[in-house]
Amino acid sequence: MRIRRVKKVYLNATEAAATLGISKQTLLRYEGKGIFPKANRNQVNGWREYTEQDIQKLRKIIGR
């Protein structure tokens, strides 16, 4: 029997910030000031969710 590993589709704010090389607080502050677009929210728990495309857009914004 083979076990499949499912690739995670979304990153939460902490994971997204780590991927971008910034703190979670900076990520949220940039969003609040309108530097970053508002993140999609999980309909169950309300947490921010970031896709790989979102991360690429944020990287362009901060120049990384």
N, C-alpha and C. Protein backbone atom coordinates (compact mmCIF):
# COMPACT_ATOMS: atom_id res chain seq x y z
N MET A 1 0.84 -1.18 0.00
CA MET A 1 0.00 0.00 0.00
C MET A 1 0.88 1.24 0.00
N ARG A 2 0.59 2.14 -0.93
CA ARG A 2 1.36 3.39 -1.03
C ARG A 2 0.62 4.52 -0.33
N ILE A 3 1.38 5.32 0.35
CA ILE A 3 0.80 6.51 0.99
C ILE A 3 1.17 7.71 0.14
N ARG A 4 0.17 8.45 -0.24
CA ARG A 4 0.41 9.66 -1.03
C ARG A 4 0.60 10.84 -0.12
N ARG A 5 1.53 11.66 -0.48
CA ARG A 5 1.72 12.93 0.22
C ARG A 5 1.04 14.01 -0.60
N VAL A 6 0.20 14.77 0.02
CA VAL A 6 -0.51 15.84 -0.66
C VAL A 6 0.26 17.13 -0.42
N LYS A 7 0.58 17.81 -1.52
CA LYS A 7 1.28 19.08 -1.40
C LYS A 7 0.33 20.12 -0.82
N LYS A 8 0.82 20.86 0.15
CA LYS A 8 0.01 21.89 0.77
C LYS A 8 -0.24 23.00 -0.25
N VAL A 9 -1.49 23.38 -0.42
CA VAL A 9 -1.87 24.37 -1.42
C VAL A 9 -1.71 25.78 -0.89
N TYR A 10 -2.00 25.99 0.39
CA TYR A 10 -1.95 27.32 0.98
C TYR A 10 -0.91 27.41 2.08
N LEU A 11 -0.33 28.60 2.21
CA LEU A 11 0.55 28.90 3.34
C LEU A 11 -0.21 29.83 4.27
N ASN A 12 0.00 29.67 5.58
CA ASN A 12 -0.60 30.63 6.50
C ASN A 12 0.33 31.85 6.60
N ALA A 13 -0.04 32.84 7.38
CA ALA A 13 0.72 34.09 7.44
C ALA A 13 2.15 33.85 7.94
N THR A 14 2.31 33.00 8.93
CA THR A 14 3.65 32.72 9.46
C THR A 14 4.54 32.07 8.41
N GLU A 15 3.99 31.10 7.70
CA GLU A 15 4.75 30.40 6.65
C GLU A 15 5.05 31.34 5.48
N ALA A 16 4.09 32.16 5.11
CA ALA A 16 4.30 33.10 4.00
C ALA A 16 5.39 34.11 4.36
N ALA A 17 5.34 34.63 5.57
CA ALA A 17 6.35 35.60 6.01
C ALA A 17 7.74 34.97 6.01
N ALA A 18 7.85 33.75 6.50
CA ALA A 18 9.14 33.06 6.51
C ALA A 18 9.65 32.84 5.09
N THR A 19 8.77 32.49 4.17
CA THR A 19 9.14 32.29 2.78
C THR A 19 9.66 33.59 2.16
N LEU A 20 9.05 34.71 2.54
CA LEU A 20 9.45 36.02 2.01
C LEU A 20 10.67 36.60 2.73
N GLY A 21 11.04 36.02 3.87
CA GLY A 21 12.18 36.53 4.63
C GLY A 21 11.85 37.77 5.44
N ILE A 22 10.57 37.90 5.83
CA ILE A 22 10.15 39.01 6.68
C ILE A 22 9.40 38.43 7.87
N SER A 23 9.14 39.26 8.87
CA SER A 23 8.40 38.77 10.03
C SER A 23 6.91 38.76 9.73
N LYS A 24 6.17 37.98 10.49
CA LYS A 24 4.72 37.94 10.34
C LYS A 24 4.15 39.33 10.61
N GLN A 25 4.69 40.01 11.61
CA GLN A 25 4.22 41.35 11.95
C GLN A 25 4.39 42.30 10.77
N THR A 26 5.52 42.22 10.08
CA THR A 26 5.75 43.07 8.90
C THR A 26 4.76 42.73 7.80
N LEU A 27 4.52 41.46 7.57
CA LEU A 27 3.55 41.03 6.57
C LEU A 27 2.18 41.64 6.85
N LEU A 28 1.73 41.54 8.09
CA LEU A 28 0.42 42.06 8.46
C LEU A 28 0.39 43.59 8.41
N ARG A 29 1.49 44.22 8.79
CA ARG A 29 1.56 45.68 8.74
C ARG A 29 1.49 46.17 7.30
N TYR A 30 2.22 45.52 6.39
CA TYR A 30 2.19 45.91 4.98
C TYR A 30 0.78 45.75 4.41
N GLU A 31 0.10 44.68 4.81
CA GLU A 31 -1.27 44.48 4.35
C GLU A 31 -2.17 45.59 4.89
N GLY A 32 -2.01 45.92 6.15
CA GLY A 32 -2.83 46.96 6.76
C GLY A 32 -2.63 48.33 6.16
N LYS A 33 -1.39 48.61 5.72
CA LYS A 33 -1.08 49.91 5.11
C LYS A 33 -1.39 49.95 3.62
N GLY A 34 -1.78 48.81 3.05
CA GLY A 34 -2.12 48.77 1.64
C GLY A 34 -0.94 48.52 0.72
N ILE A 35 0.23 48.23 1.28
CA ILE A 35 1.41 47.90 0.47
C ILE A 35 1.21 46.54 -0.19
N PHE A 36 0.71 45.58 0.58
CA PHE A 36 0.36 44.26 0.08
C PHE A 36 -1.16 44.21 -0.08
N PRO A 37 -1.64 43.48 -1.09
CA PRO A 37 -3.10 43.29 -1.22
C PRO A 37 -3.62 42.43 -0.07
N LYS A 38 -4.89 42.56 0.22
CA LYS A 38 -5.52 41.74 1.27
C LYS A 38 -5.44 40.27 0.88
N ALA A 39 -5.13 39.45 1.86
CA ALA A 39 -5.03 38.01 1.64
C ALA A 39 -6.42 37.37 1.64
N ASN A 40 -6.53 36.26 0.93
CA ASN A 40 -7.76 35.47 1.01
C ASN A 40 -7.86 34.88 2.40
N ARG A 41 -9.08 34.70 2.87
CA ARG A 41 -9.30 34.15 4.21
C ARG A 41 -9.94 32.78 4.12
N ASN A 42 -9.52 31.89 5.01
CA ASN A 42 -10.13 30.57 5.13
C ASN A 42 -11.55 30.76 5.65
N GLN A 43 -12.52 30.16 5.00
CA GLN A 43 -13.92 30.35 5.39
C GLN A 43 -14.28 29.67 6.70
N VAL A 44 -13.49 28.69 7.11
CA VAL A 44 -13.78 27.98 8.35
C VAL A 44 -13.22 28.72 9.56
N ASN A 45 -11.92 29.09 9.50
CA ASN A 45 -11.30 29.66 10.68
C ASN A 45 -10.90 31.14 10.52
N GLY A 46 -11.03 31.70 9.33
CA GLY A 46 -10.73 33.11 9.12
C GLY A 46 -9.26 33.44 8.95
N TRP A 47 -8.39 32.43 8.95
CA TRP A 47 -6.96 32.68 8.80
C TRP A 47 -6.63 33.11 7.38
N ARG A 48 -5.58 33.90 7.25
CA ARG A 48 -5.11 34.30 5.92
C ARG A 48 -4.50 33.09 5.23
N GLU A 49 -4.73 33.00 3.90
CA GLU A 49 -4.18 31.91 3.11
C GLU A 49 -3.47 32.50 1.89
N TYR A 50 -2.26 32.02 1.64
CA TYR A 50 -1.45 32.51 0.53
C TYR A 50 -1.12 31.36 -0.40
N THR A 51 -1.31 31.57 -1.70
CA THR A 51 -0.94 30.58 -2.70
C THR A 51 0.49 30.90 -3.18
N GLU A 52 1.05 30.00 -3.97
CA GLU A 52 2.38 30.25 -4.55
C GLU A 52 2.34 31.50 -5.43
N GLN A 53 1.25 31.71 -6.14
CA GLN A 53 1.11 32.91 -6.98
C GLN A 53 1.09 34.18 -6.11
N ASP A 54 0.42 34.11 -4.96
CA ASP A 54 0.40 35.24 -4.03
C ASP A 54 1.81 35.56 -3.57
N ILE A 55 2.57 34.52 -3.23
CA ILE A 55 3.94 34.72 -2.75
C ILE A 55 4.79 35.37 -3.84
N GLN A 56 4.63 34.94 -5.08
CA GLN A 56 5.38 35.54 -6.18
C GLN A 56 5.06 37.02 -6.34
N LYS A 57 3.78 37.38 -6.22
CA LYS A 57 3.37 38.79 -6.31
C LYS A 57 3.97 39.61 -5.17
N LEU A 58 3.95 39.06 -3.97
CA LEU A 58 4.50 39.77 -2.82
C LEU A 58 6.01 39.94 -2.96
N ARG A 59 6.68 38.93 -3.50
CA ARG A 59 8.12 39.04 -3.74
C ARG A 59 8.44 40.19 -4.68
N LYS A 60 7.64 40.34 -5.74
CA LYS A 60 7.85 41.45 -6.68
C LYS A 60 7.67 42.78 -6.00
N ILE A 61 6.66 42.87 -5.12
CA ILE A 61 6.38 44.13 -4.43
C ILE A 61 7.57 44.53 -3.56
N ILE A 62 8.15 43.58 -2.84
CA ILE A 62 9.26 43.93 -1.95
C ILE A 62 10.63 43.83 -2.65
N GLY A 63 10.63 43.41 -3.90
CA GLY A 63 11.87 43.38 -4.67
C GLY A 63 12.81 42.24 -4.33
N ARG A 64 12.24 41.08 -4.00
CA ARG A 64 13.08 39.91 -3.67
C ARG A 64 12.81 38.78 -4.62
